[in-house]
C-alpha atoms as a PDB file:
ATOM      1  CA  MET A   1      18.959  -4.506 -13.975  1.00  0.00           C
ATOM      2  CA  ILE A   2      15.354  -4.300 -14.033  1.00  0.00           C
ATOM      3  CA  SER A   3      14.956  -5.537 -10.700  1.00  0.00           C
ATOM      4  CA  SER A   4      18.150  -3.642  -9.062  1.00  0.00           C
ATOM      5  CA  ALA A   5      16.643  -0.799 -10.575  1.00  0.00           C
ATOM      6  CA  ALA A   6      13.285  -1.163  -8.753  1.00  0.00           C
ATOM      7  CA  ASP A   7      14.781  -1.854  -5.393  1.00  0.00           C
ATOM      8  CA  LEU A   8      17.043   1.299  -5.677  1.00  0.00           C
ATOM      9  CA  MET A   9      13.904   3.671  -6.457  1.00  0.00           C
ATOM     10  CA  TYR A  10      12.109   2.150  -3.931  1.00  0.00           C
ATOM     11  CA  VAL A  11      14.312   2.918  -0.999  1.00  0.00           C
ATOM     12  CA  ARG A  12      15.609   6.300  -2.617  1.00  0.00           C
ATOM     13  CA  GLY A  13      12.447   7.511  -5.027  1.00  0.00           C
ATOM     14  CA  VAL A  14      12.558   7.383  -8.647  1.00  0.00           C
ATOM     15  CA  ASN A  15      14.123  11.080  -9.499  1.00  0.00           C
ATOM     16  CA  ALA A  16      16.758  10.603  -6.894  1.00  0.00           C
ATOM     17  CA  VAL A  17      18.333   7.301  -8.965  1.00  0.00           C
ATOM     18  CA  THR A  18      20.750   8.233 -11.845  1.00  0.00           C
ATOM     19  CA  LEU A  19      21.444   5.547 -14.422  1.00  0.00           C
ATOM     20  CA  ASP A  20      25.147   5.760 -12.998  1.00  0.00           C
ATOM     21  CA  ASP A  21      23.424   4.473  -9.827  1.00  0.00           C
ATOM     22  CA  VAL A  22      21.964   1.591 -11.860  1.00  0.00           C
ATOM     23  CA  ARG A  23      25.285   0.922 -13.470  1.00  0.00           C
ATOM     24  CA  ALA A  24      27.185   0.712 -10.071  1.00  0.00           C
ATOM     25  CA  ALA A  25      24.759  -1.451  -8.548  1.00  0.00           C
ATOM     26  CA  THR A  26      24.487  -4.133 -11.277  1.00  0.00           C
ATOM     27  CA  GLY A  27      27.847  -3.863 -12.577  1.00  0.00           C
ATOM     28  CA  THR A  28      26.900  -2.739 -15.846  1.00  0.00           C
ATOM     29  CA  SER A  29      28.710  -0.787 -18.618  1.00  0.00           C
ATOM     30  CA  LYS A  30      26.739   2.217 -20.158  1.00  0.00           C
ATOM     31  CA  SER A  31      26.976   0.327 -23.537  1.00  0.00           C
ATOM     32  CA  GLN A  32      25.118  -2.365 -21.872  1.00  0.00           C
ATOM     33  CA  LEU A  33      22.421  -0.366 -20.167  1.00  0.00           C
ATOM     34  CA  TYR A  34      21.425   1.464 -23.368  1.00  0.00           C
ATOM     35  CA  LYS A  35      21.561  -1.625 -25.491  1.00  0.00           C
ATOM     36  CA  HIS A  36      18.881  -2.684 -23.297  1.00  0.00           C
ATOM     37  CA  PHE A  37      17.309   0.645 -22.677  1.00  0.00           C
ATOM     38  CA  PRO A  38      18.100   2.931 -25.867  1.00  0.00           C
ATOM     39  CA  ASP A  39      15.787   5.692 -24.658  1.00  0.00           C
ATOM     40  CA  GLY A  40      17.412   6.100 -21.175  1.00  0.00           C
ATOM     41  CA  LYS A  41      16.007   6.323 -18.057  1.00  0.00           C
ATOM     42  CA  PRO A  42      12.491   6.939 -19.010  1.00  0.00           C
ATOM     43  CA  GLU A  43      12.473   3.359 -20.268  1.00  0.00           C
ATOM     44  CA  LEU A  44      13.745   2.217 -17.322  1.00  0.00           C
ATOM     45  CA  VAL A  45      11.619   3.782 -15.358  1.00  0.00           C
ATOM     46  CA  ARG A  46       8.554   1.995 -17.200  1.00  0.00           C
ATOM     47  CA  ALA A  47      10.266  -1.434 -17.180  1.00  0.00           C
ATOM     48  CA  VAL A  48      10.398  -0.911 -13.147  1.00  0.00           C
ATOM     49  CA  VAL A  49       6.820   0.131 -13.171  1.00  0.00           C
ATOM     50  CA  ALA A  50       6.059  -3.154 -15.102  1.00  0.00           C
ATOM     51  CA  LEU A  51       7.920  -5.350 -12.767  1.00  0.00           C
ATOM     52  CA  ARG A  52       6.546  -3.573  -9.706  1.00  0.00           C
ATOM     53  CA  ALA A  53       3.137  -4.018 -11.038  1.00  0.00           C
ATOM     54  CA  GLN A  54       3.586  -7.702 -12.221  1.00  0.00           C
ATOM     55  CA  GLN A  55       4.713  -8.283  -8.031  1.00  0.00           C
ATOM     56  CA  VAL A  56       2.382  -6.574  -6.423  1.00  0.00           C
ATOM     57  CA  LEU A  57      -0.968  -7.920  -8.655  1.00  0.00           C
ATOM     58  CA  ALA A  58       0.285 -11.167  -8.178  1.00  0.00           C
ATOM     59  CA  ARG A  59       0.842 -10.907  -4.289  1.00  0.00           C
ATOM     60  CA  GLU A  60      -2.650  -9.206  -4.193  1.00  0.00           C
ATOM     61  CA  GLU A  61      -4.367 -11.869  -6.740  1.00  0.00           C
ATOM     62  CA  GLN A  62      -3.193 -14.743  -4.185  1.00  0.00           C
ATOM     63  CA  ARG A  63      -4.654 -13.137  -1.386  1.00  0.00           C
ATOM     64  CA  LEU A  64      -7.987 -11.825  -2.537  1.00  0.00           C
ATOM     65  CA  ALA A  65      -8.499 -14.870  -5.102  1.00  0.00           C
ATOM     66  CA  ARG A  66     -11.192 -16.356  -2.618  1.00  0.00           C
ATOM     67  CA  LEU A  67     -12.259 -13.368  -0.801  1.00  0.00           C
ATOM     68  CA  LYS A  68     -15.947 -13.570   0.578  1.00  0.00           C
ATOM     69  CA  SER A  69     -15.888 -12.957   4.150  1.00  0.00           C
ATOM     70  CA  MET A  70     -14.990 -10.197   6.794  1.00  0.00           C
ATOM     71  CA  SER A  71     -12.556 -12.644   8.728  1.00  0.00           C
ATOM     72  CA  GLY A  72     -10.889 -12.984   5.255  1.00  0.00           C
ATOM     73  CA  LEU A  73     -10.806  -9.357   4.609  1.00  0.00           C
ATOM     74  CA  ARG A  74      -9.181  -8.884   8.236  1.00  0.00           C
ATOM     75  CA  ARG A  75      -6.121 -11.295   7.127  1.00  0.00           C
ATOM     76  CA  TRP A  76      -5.488  -9.137   4.178  1.00  0.00           C
ATOM     77  CA  ARG A  77      -5.570  -6.056   6.244  1.00  0.00           C
ATOM     78  CA  ASP A  78      -2.949  -7.780   9.069  1.00  0.00           C
ATOM     79  CA  ALA A  79      -0.687  -8.930   6.112  1.00  0.00           C
ATOM     80  CA  LEU A  80      -0.293  -5.468   4.669  1.00  0.00           C
ATOM     81  CA  ILE A  81       0.017  -3.794   7.936  1.00  0.00           C
ATOM     82  CA  LEU A  82       2.584  -6.469   9.009  1.00  0.00           C
ATOM     83  CA  GLY A  83       4.138  -5.794   5.744  1.00  0.00           C
ATOM     84  CA  ALA A  84       4.484  -2.134   6.375  1.00  0.00           C
ATOM     85  CA  ALA A  85       5.359  -2.788   9.962  1.00  0.00           C
ATOM     86  CA  LEU A  86       8.443  -5.028   8.987  1.00  0.00           C
ATOM     87  CA  GLN A  87       9.911  -2.045   7.539  1.00  0.00           C
ATOM     88  CA  GLY A  88       8.964   0.292  10.137  1.00  0.00           C
ATOM     89  CA  GLY A  89       6.469   2.037   8.346  1.00  0.00           C
ATOM     90  CA  ALA A  90       9.059   3.515   5.731  1.00  0.00           C
ATOM     91  CA  TYR A  91       9.196   3.451   2.118  1.00  0.00           C
ATOM     92  CA  GLY A  92       5.364   3.225   1.568  1.00  0.00           C
ATOM     93  CA  CYS A  93       3.673   0.858  -1.291  1.00  0.00           C
ATOM     94  CA  ALA A  94       5.905  -0.205  -3.958  1.00  0.00           C
ATOM     95  CA  LEU A  95       2.968   0.778  -6.796  1.00  0.00           C
ATOM     96  CA  GLY A  96       1.963   3.840  -4.989  1.00  0.00           C
ATOM     97  CA  ASN A  97       4.991   5.382  -4.578  1.00  0.00           C
ATOM     98  CA  LEU A  98       5.640   5.402  -8.301  1.00  0.00           C
ATOM     99  CA  VAL A  99       2.036   7.360  -9.019  1.00  0.00           C
ATOM    100  CA  VAL A 100       3.248   9.762  -6.566  1.00  0.00           C
ATOM    101  CA  GLU A 101       6.457  10.880  -8.522  1.00  0.00           C
ATOM    102  CA  LEU A 102       5.593   9.746 -12.140  1.00  0.00           C
ATOM    103  CA  SER A 103       2.307  11.176 -12.558  1.00  0.00           C
ATOM    104  CA  ASP A 104       2.818  14.486 -13.430  1.00  0.00           C
ATOM    105  CA  GLN A 105       6.127  13.809 -15.104  1.00  0.00           C
ATOM    106  CA  ASP A 106       5.300  10.776 -17.713  1.00  0.00           C
ATOM    107  CA  ASP A 107       1.988  10.206 -19.029  1.00  0.00           C
ATOM    108  CA  GLN A 108       2.511   6.689 -20.349  1.00  0.00           C
ATOM    109  CA  ALA A 109       3.986   5.479 -16.790  1.00  0.00           C
ATOM    110  CA  ARG A 110       0.935   7.303 -15.055  1.00  0.00           C
ATOM    111  CA  THR A 111      -1.715   5.218 -17.776  1.00  0.00           C
ATOM    112  CA  SER A 112      -0.143   2.030 -16.919  1.00  0.00           C
ATOM    113  CA  LEU A 113      -0.242   2.552 -13.081  1.00  0.00           C
ATOM    114  CA  SER A 114      -3.571   3.734 -13.513  1.00  0.00           C
ATOM    115  CA  GLU A 115      -4.681   0.572 -15.051  1.00  0.00           C
ATOM    116  CA  HIS A 116      -2.779  -1.496 -12.450  1.00  0.00           C
ATOM    117  CA  PHE A 117      -4.787   0.088  -9.673  1.00  0.00           C
ATOM    118  CA  ALA A 118      -7.940  -0.696 -11.392  1.00  0.00           C
ATOM    119  CA  THR A 119      -6.978  -4.376 -11.454  1.00  0.00           C
ATOM    120  CA  TRP A 120      -6.051  -4.235  -7.851  1.00  0.00           C
ATOM    121  CA  GLU A 121      -9.385  -2.356  -7.046  1.00  0.00           C
ATOM    122  CA  GLY A 122     -11.176  -5.315  -9.308  1.00  0.00           C
ATOM    123  CA  LEU A 123      -9.815  -7.788  -7.280  1.00  0.00           C
ATOM    124  CA  LEU A 124     -11.442  -6.437  -4.000  1.00  0.00           C
ATOM    125  CA  ALA A 125     -14.549  -5.315  -5.782  1.00  0.00           C
ATOM    126  CA  ALA A 126     -14.907  -9.291  -7.194  1.00  0.00           C
ATOM    127  CA  GLY A 127     -14.427 -10.271  -3.393  1.00  0.00           C
ATOM    128  CA  PHE A 128     -17.513  -7.722  -2.299  1.00  0.00           C
ATOM    129  CA  ARG A 129     -19.544  -9.557  -5.327  1.00  0.00           C
ATOM    130  CA  ARG A 130     -18.826 -12.723  -3.821  1.00  0.00           C
ATOM    131  CA  MET A 131     -19.982 -11.336  -0.075  1.00  0.00           C
ATOM    132  CA  GLN A 132     -23.094 -10.311  -1.613  1.00  0.00           C
ATOM    133  CA  ASP A 133     -24.057 -13.520  -3.481  1.00  0.00           C
ATOM    134  CA  ASP A 134     -23.408 -15.407  -0.129  1.00  0.00           C
ATOM    135  CA  GLY A 135     -25.883 -13.298   1.656  1.00  0.00           C
ATOM    136  CA  ILE A 136     -22.830 -11.884   3.480  1.00  0.00           C
ATOM    137  CA  LEU A 137     -22.386  -8.307   2.066  1.00  0.00           C
ATOM    138  CA  ALA A 138     -25.661  -6.419   1.987  1.00  0.00           C
ATOM    139  CA  ALA A 139     -27.619  -5.806  -1.899  1.00  0.00           C
ATOM    140  CA  LYS A 140     -27.163  -2.227  -1.536  1.00  0.00           C
ATOM    141  CA  ALA A 141     -23.903  -2.104  -0.939  1.00  0.00           C
ATOM    142  CA  ASP A 142     -21.657  -0.991  -4.174  1.00  0.00           C
ATOM    143  CA  PRO A 143     -18.795  -3.647  -4.558  1.00  0.00           C
ATOM    144  CA  ASP A 144     -17.131  -0.746  -6.898  1.00  0.00           C
ATOM    145  CA  ALA A 145     -17.088   2.174  -4.970  1.00  0.00           C
ATOM    146  CA  LEU A 146     -16.371  -0.086  -1.663  1.00  0.00           C
ATOM    147  CA  ALA A 147     -13.399  -1.106  -3.554  1.00  0.00           C
ATOM    148  CA  THR A 148     -12.237   2.803  -4.498  1.00  0.00           C
ATOM    149  CA  GLY A 149     -12.723   3.324  -0.808  1.00  0.00           C
ATOM    150  CA  LEU A 150     -10.457   0.791   0.742  1.00  0.00           C
ATOM    151  CA  MET A 151      -7.653   1.223  -2.127  1.00  0.00           C
ATOM    152  CA  ALA A 152      -7.930   5.131  -0.866  1.00  0.00           C
ATOM    153  CA  ALA A 153      -7.950   4.098   2.583  1.00  0.00           C
ATOM    154  CA  LEU A 154      -4.615   1.902   1.779  1.00  0.00           C
ATOM    155  CA  GLN A 155      -2.745   4.167  -0.235  1.00  0.00           C
ATOM    156  CA  GLY A 156      -3.570   6.707   2.558  1.00  0.00           C
ATOM    157  CA  GLY A 157      -2.540   4.793   5.429  1.00  0.00           C
ATOM    158  CA  TYR A 158       0.714   3.742   3.284  1.00  0.00           C
ATOM    159  CA  LEU A 159       1.668   7.796   2.971  1.00  0.00           C
ATOM    160  CA  LEU A 160       0.950   8.420   6.764  1.00  0.00           C
ATOM    161  CA  ALA A 161       2.833   5.315   8.020  1.00  0.00           C
ATOM    162  CA  GLN A 162       5.671   6.594   5.744  1.00  0.00           C
ATOM    163  CA  ALA A 163       5.425  10.087   7.228  1.00  0.00           C
ATOM    164  CA  ASN A 164       5.605   8.865  10.870  1.00  0.00           C
ATOM    165  CA  HIS A 165       7.705   5.746  10.207  1.00  0.00           C
ATOM    166  CA  ASP A 166       4.867   3.954  12.227  1.00  0.00           C
ATOM    167  CA  VAL A 167       2.147   1.660  11.138  1.00  0.00           C
ATOM    168  CA  ALA A 168      -0.427   3.001  13.680  1.00  0.00           C
ATOM    169  CA  PRO A 169      -1.903   5.421  11.024  1.00  0.00           C
ATOM    170  CA  MET A 170      -2.073   2.751   8.182  1.00  0.00           C
ATOM    171  CA  ALA A 171      -4.204   0.552  11.029  1.00  0.00           C
ATOM    172  CA  THR A 172      -6.397   3.519  11.932  1.00  0.00           C
ATOM    173  CA  ALA A 173      -7.297   4.038   8.243  1.00  0.00           C
ATOM    174  CA  LEU A 174      -8.151   0.219   7.237  1.00  0.00           C
ATOM    175  CA  ASN A 175      -9.756  -0.302  10.472  1.00  0.00           C
ATOM    176  CA  MET A 176     -12.141   2.798   9.512  1.00  0.00           C
ATOM    177  CA  ALA A 177     -12.798   1.678   6.067  1.00  0.00           C
ATOM    178  CA  LEU A 178     -13.450  -2.236   7.376  1.00  0.00           C
ATOM    179  CA  ALA A 179     -16.097  -0.661   9.881  1.00  0.00           C
ATOM    180  CA  HIS A 180     -18.058   0.770   6.960  1.00  0.00           C
ATOM    181  CA  ILE A 181     -17.833  -2.178   5.245  1.00  0.00           C
ATOM    182  CA  GLU A 182     -18.906  -4.330   7.919  1.00  0.00           C
ATOM    183  CA  SER A 183     -21.670  -1.905   8.850  1.00  0.00           C
ATOM    184  CA  LEU A 184     -23.269  -3.411   5.603  1.00  0.00           C
ATOM    185  CA  THR A 185     -23.186  -6.866   7.346  1.00  0.00           C
ATOM    186  CA  GLY A 186     -24.773  -5.996  10.148  1.00  0.00           C
ATOM    187  CA  HIS A 187     -21.613  -7.315  12.227  1.00  0.00           C
ATOM    188  CA  SER A 188     -19.343  -5.568  14.723  1.00  0.00           C
ATOM    189  CA  THR A 189     -15.492  -5.268  13.282  1.00  0.00           C
ATOM    190  CA  LYS A 190     -12.768  -6.639  15.303  1.00  0.00           C
ATOM    191  CA  THR A 191      -9.698  -3.887  14.747  1.00  0.00           C
ATOM    192  CA  ALA A 192      -6.001  -4.359  13.966  1.00  0.00           C
ATOM    193  CA  LYS A 193      -3.514  -3.616  16.735  1.00  0.00           C
ATOM    194  CA  PRO A 194      -0.250  -2.911  15.387  1.00  0.00           C
ATOM    195  CA  ARG A 195       2.829  -3.398  17.806  1.00  0.00           C
ATOM    196  CA  LYS A 196       3.686  -0.611  19.472  1.00  0.00           C
ATOM    197  CA  THR A 197       6.844   1.559  18.055  1.00  0.00           C
ATOM    198  CA  ALA A 198       9.254   3.532  19.998  1.00  0.00           C
ATOM    199  CA  THR A 199       7.438   6.464  17.967  1.00  0.00           C
ATOM    200  CA  SER A 200       3.312   5.379  19.161  1.00  0.00           C
ATOM    201  CA  SER A 201       4.737   4.776  22.644  1.00  0.00           C
ATOM    202  CA  ARG A 202       6.093   8.062  23.068  1.00  0.00           C
ATOM    203  CA  ARG A 203       3.241   9.748  21.656  1.00  0.00           C
ATOM    204  CA  ALA A 204       0.780   7.598  24.009  1.00  0.00           C
ATOM    205  CA  THR A 205       2.712   8.889  27.070  1.00  0.00           C
ATOM    206  CA  ALA A 206       2.529  12.536  25.595  1.00  0.00           C
ATOM    207  CA  THR A 207      -1.246  12.225  25.176  1.00  0.00           C
ATOM    208  CA  GLN A 208      -1.825  10.770  28.577  1.00  0.00           C
ATOM    209  CA  PRO A 209      -3.240  13.087  31.042  1.00  0.00           C
ATOM    210  CA  ARG A 210      -1.455  13.874  34.145  1.00  0.00           C
ATOM    211  CA  ARG A 211      -2.762  12.645  37.585  1.00  0.00           C
ATOM    212  CA  ASN A 212      -4.036  15.363  40.176  1.00  0.00           C
ATOM    213  CA  THR A 213      -1.547  14.061  42.663  1.00  0.00           C
ATOM    214  CA  ALA A 214      -2.503  16.843  45.288  1.00  0.00           C
ATOM    215  CA  ALA A 215      -4.072  15.104  48.623  1.00  0.00           C
ATOM    216  CA  LYS A 216      -7.688  15.551  49.277  1.00  0.00           C
ATOM    217  CA  ARG A 217      -8.377  17.600  52.276  1.00  0.00           C
END
């Protein structure tokens, strides 16, 4: 029931999904639903937050547990961009979307989401500290600040990709964040090159300067 509700809310949005929608998707009776969630939708939504956090953080822990190089950071970036590209940039971050909808509606959910993002940033910061310990990242760098900045670039990138249905803005945001981090290592950054979509191709064509076809006299 929680998994189905999470899927519905990811695609449609939390506010657009009703308990009747969840019941219809799961074949659950009203009495069964309220047996598990006596407080109704707010309680179900908090269960969705917990499930999404578990899924996202398990994925990120697997990717970031041994992060200690720029190449590892680039692989992390590429995996995120690829995941978003598989959906055409639509829907955004499964955890970030919940923040947008719930932060001003449910303080308990907002607090939980804040803690989950702190955990995610902590995984990044731990990787930056390993890079410092190995002499890759400059001692003057602030791992916690870098983690916050990278997370902001990621979530902003997700939002722009969602608005455009194109991962190009997400790739740009992450590339710029990684370029800053790599500037603290003394090496140059290799940028991600997302696959062109119909949207990005149209933009590229629209921004090409017209050639002067007039013959020179």
